């Protein structure tokens, strides 16, 4: 296993697929009509105080400018059974919300039914990084279910993860 100085993009992407990752769909509404959304596999928490999260979006995304125009976003943590929804929100040129049930977050962003968690966020900062932008968002509201497993991707294929102990504070905030 030798490293190369300038990796082949497909080989590099394939290697990165060796790291299992959860998947979120970032949605927005507000001034955006109709609602917009896209699948993201580069989501992480950043800070507890203030509560911040981040995700990365390709510069080539045609959905991100529509989402950026929304007053708030909803980060939907997809459930294990939502792989087809993940694919739909990653596909250009389709009606991503067709036959997709959702309800508005307190600020109006789409919370996708079946998501195991959601975070309503407002813009905090953006940083250019290579062919992506790192978006940092401030969490304003959130909710979660303890009875569902998240969708996890490994080499681009769905898997499942279930914690051994769901903890003492199950339910939704």
Protein backbone atom coordinates (compact mmCIF):
# COMPACT_ATOMS: atom_id res chain seq x y z
CA UNK A 1 0.00 0.00 0.00
CA UNK A 2 2.07 2.88 -1.30
CA UNK A 3 0.87 6.47 -1.26
CA UNK A 4 1.21 8.62 -4.34
CA UNK A 5 1.99 12.33 -4.44
CA UNK A 6 -0.86 13.25 -6.82
CA UNK A 7 -3.61 10.69 -6.31
CA UNK A 8 -5.87 9.56 -9.11
CA UNK A 9 -9.22 11.17 -8.23
CA UNK A 10 -11.26 7.97 -8.60
CA UNK A 11 -8.75 5.92 -6.61
CA UNK A 12 -8.60 8.63 -3.94
CA UNK A 13 -12.40 8.76 -3.69
CA UNK A 14 -12.50 4.96 -3.47
CA UNK A 15 -9.97 4.99 -0.65
CA UNK A 16 -12.04 7.61 1.23
CA UNK A 17 -15.02 5.24 0.91
CA UNK A 18 -13.19 2.91 3.30
CA UNK A 19 -14.23 5.24 6.11
CA UNK A 20 -17.84 4.57 7.16
CA UNK A 21 -19.95 7.70 7.28
CA UNK A 22 -23.45 8.72 8.15
CA UNK A 23 -25.58 10.57 5.65
CA UNK A 24 -27.66 13.70 6.08
CA UNK A 25 -29.98 15.57 3.76
CA UNK A 26 -29.77 19.34 4.16
CA UNK A 27 -33.08 21.00 3.31
CA UNK A 28 -34.29 24.56 3.13
CA UNK A 29 -37.45 26.46 2.40
CA UNK A 30 -38.22 30.01 3.51
CA UNK A 31 -37.46 32.23 0.53
CA UNK A 32 -36.69 29.08 -1.46
CA UNK A 33 -39.71 27.90 -3.43
CA UNK A 34 -40.12 25.00 -3.90
CA UNK A 35 -38.10 23.46 -1.07
CA UNK A 36 -34.55 22.40 -1.90
CA UNK A 37 -32.32 19.70 -0.48
CA UNK A 38 -29.17 17.68 -1.08
CA UNK A 39 -27.44 14.61 0.33
CA UNK A 40 -24.27 15.20 2.34
CA UNK A 41 -21.83 12.61 3.69
CA UNK A 42 -19.39 15.12 5.17
CA UNK A 43 -21.31 16.23 8.28
CA UNK A 44 -19.79 16.70 11.73
CA UNK A 45 -20.27 18.49 15.00
CA UNK A 46 -17.95 21.45 15.55
CA UNK A 47 -18.74 23.07 18.91
CA UNK A 48 -21.02 22.67 21.92
CA UNK A 49 -20.83 26.35 22.95
CA UNK A 50 -22.05 27.81 20.73
CA UNK A 51 -23.72 24.74 19.18
CA UNK A 52 -22.15 24.46 15.71
CA UNK A 53 -22.11 21.78 13.01
CA UNK A 54 -20.48 21.69 9.59
CA UNK A 55 -20.91 20.05 6.22
CA UNK A 56 -19.16 20.33 2.87
CA UNK A 57 -20.74 21.19 -0.48
CA UNK A 58 -19.10 20.97 -3.91
CA UNK A 59 -18.56 24.26 -5.73
CA UNK A 60 -20.38 22.69 -8.69
CA UNK A 61 -23.62 22.17 -6.71
CA UNK A 62 -26.60 23.85 -8.35
CA UNK A 63 -28.72 23.23 -5.23
CA UNK A 64 -26.45 24.98 -2.73
CA UNK A 65 -27.17 28.52 -4.02
CA UNK A 66 -30.90 27.86 -3.52
CA UNK A 67 -30.30 26.50 -0.02
CA UNK A 68 -27.99 29.38 0.87
CA UNK A 69 -30.87 31.77 0.12
CA UNK A 70 -33.08 30.14 2.79
CA UNK A 71 -33.32 31.76 6.23
CA UNK A 72 -32.62 28.42 7.91
CA UNK A 73 -31.74 24.84 7.01
CA UNK A 74 -32.65 21.49 8.41
CA UNK A 75 -29.96 18.82 8.64
CA UNK A 76 -31.85 15.50 8.50
CA UNK A 77 -29.91 12.45 9.76
CA UNK A 78 -31.23 9.68 7.54
CA UNK A 79 -32.43 6.38 8.94
CA UNK A 80 -31.14 2.96 7.90
CA UNK A 81 -34.13 2.40 5.61
CA UNK A 82 -33.72 5.67 3.70
CA UNK A 83 -31.01 4.73 1.20
CA UNK A 84 -33.25 5.42 -1.82
CA UNK A 85 -34.07 8.86 -0.38
CA UNK A 86 -30.33 9.46 0.00
CA UNK A 87 -29.80 8.58 -3.67
CA UNK A 88 -32.69 10.80 -4.80
CA UNK A 89 -31.32 13.84 -2.96
CA UNK A 90 -27.90 13.15 -4.53
CA UNK A 91 -29.29 12.99 -8.09
CA UNK A 92 -29.45 16.08 -10.28
CA UNK A 93 -32.45 16.83 -12.44
CA UNK A 94 -35.09 14.97 -10.42
CA UNK A 95 -37.94 16.18 -8.21
CA UNK A 96 -36.26 15.35 -4.91
CA UNK A 97 -39.38 16.02 -2.85
CA UNK A 98 -41.75 13.92 -5.01
CA UNK A 99 -43.52 11.39 -2.78
CA UNK A 100 -41.32 12.55 0.11
CA UNK A 101 -43.31 13.30 3.24
CA UNK A 102 -42.04 16.03 5.52
CA UNK A 103 -43.17 18.59 8.04
CA UNK A 104 -41.74 22.05 8.76
CA UNK A 105 -39.18 22.68 11.48
CA UNK A 106 -40.00 25.59 13.82
CA UNK A 107 -38.34 27.92 11.28
CA UNK A 108 -40.01 26.30 8.26
CA UNK A 109 -37.25 24.07 6.84
CA UNK A 110 -38.34 20.56 5.77
CA UNK A 111 -37.89 17.83 8.40
CA UNK A 112 -37.98 14.57 6.44
CA UNK A 113 -40.29 11.93 7.91
CA UNK A 114 -38.31 8.89 8.99
CA UNK A 115 -35.12 10.81 9.80
CA UNK A 116 -33.58 9.61 13.07
CA UNK A 117 -32.57 13.17 14.00
CA UNK A 118 -32.88 16.72 12.72
CA UNK A 119 -31.13 20.00 13.44
CA UNK A 120 -32.53 23.38 12.43
CA UNK A 121 -29.59 25.64 11.64
CA UNK A 122 -28.77 29.15 10.54
CA UNK A 123 -25.66 30.24 8.61
CA UNK A 124 -22.55 30.91 10.73
CA UNK A 125 -19.53 30.83 8.37
CA UNK A 126 -18.28 29.50 5.03
CA UNK A 127 -14.72 28.56 4.11
CA UNK A 128 -13.41 27.70 0.65
CA UNK A 129 -11.46 24.44 0.64
CA UNK A 130 -10.29 22.97 -2.66
CA UNK A 131 -13.29 22.03 -4.79
CA UNK A 132 -15.73 22.39 -1.87
CA UNK A 133 -17.02 24.97 0.57
CA UNK A 134 -17.05 24.10 4.28
CA UNK A 135 -20.31 25.39 5.71
CA UNK A 136 -20.50 26.03 9.45
CA UNK A 137 -24.02 26.37 10.82
CA UNK A 138 -25.41 27.32 14.22
CA UNK A 139 -27.94 24.88 15.66
CA UNK A 140 -31.16 26.60 16.78
CA UNK A 141 -33.50 23.62 17.38
CA UNK A 142 -33.18 19.85 17.18
CA UNK A 143 -34.98 16.59 17.74
CA UNK A 144 -34.12 12.89 17.61
CA UNK A 145 -35.49 9.38 17.99
CA UNK A 146 -33.73 6.72 20.03
CA UNK A 147 -35.62 3.89 18.34
CA UNK A 148 -34.05 4.18 14.88
CA UNK A 149 -30.69 3.31 13.37
CA UNK A 150 -28.87 5.78 11.12
CA UNK A 151 -28.01 5.13 7.49
CA UNK A 152 -24.29 4.40 7.24
CA UNK A 153 -22.36 4.19 3.97
CA UNK A 154 -19.23 2.10 3.43
CA UNK A 155 -17.72 2.11 -0.07
CA UNK A 156 -20.86 3.96 -1.18
CA UNK A 157 -23.17 1.13 -0.12
CA UNK A 158 -25.68 1.23 2.74
CA UNK A 159 -25.05 -0.47 6.04
CA UNK A 160 -26.54 -0.39 9.50
CA UNK A 161 -25.28 0.64 12.90
CA UNK A 162 -27.01 0.07 16.18
CA UNK A 163 -25.55 1.27 19.46
CA UNK A 164 -25.30 -1.35 22.20
CA UNK A 165 -26.96 0.97 24.73
CA UNK A 166 -29.47 3.57 23.59
CA UNK A 167 -28.94 5.56 26.79
CA UNK A 168 -31.24 6.76 29.57
CA UNK A 169 -32.69 9.81 27.80
CA UNK A 170 -34.49 8.24 24.84
CA UNK A 171 -37.12 10.13 22.93
CA UNK A 172 -37.29 13.46 21.21
CA UNK A 173 -36.40 16.78 22.64
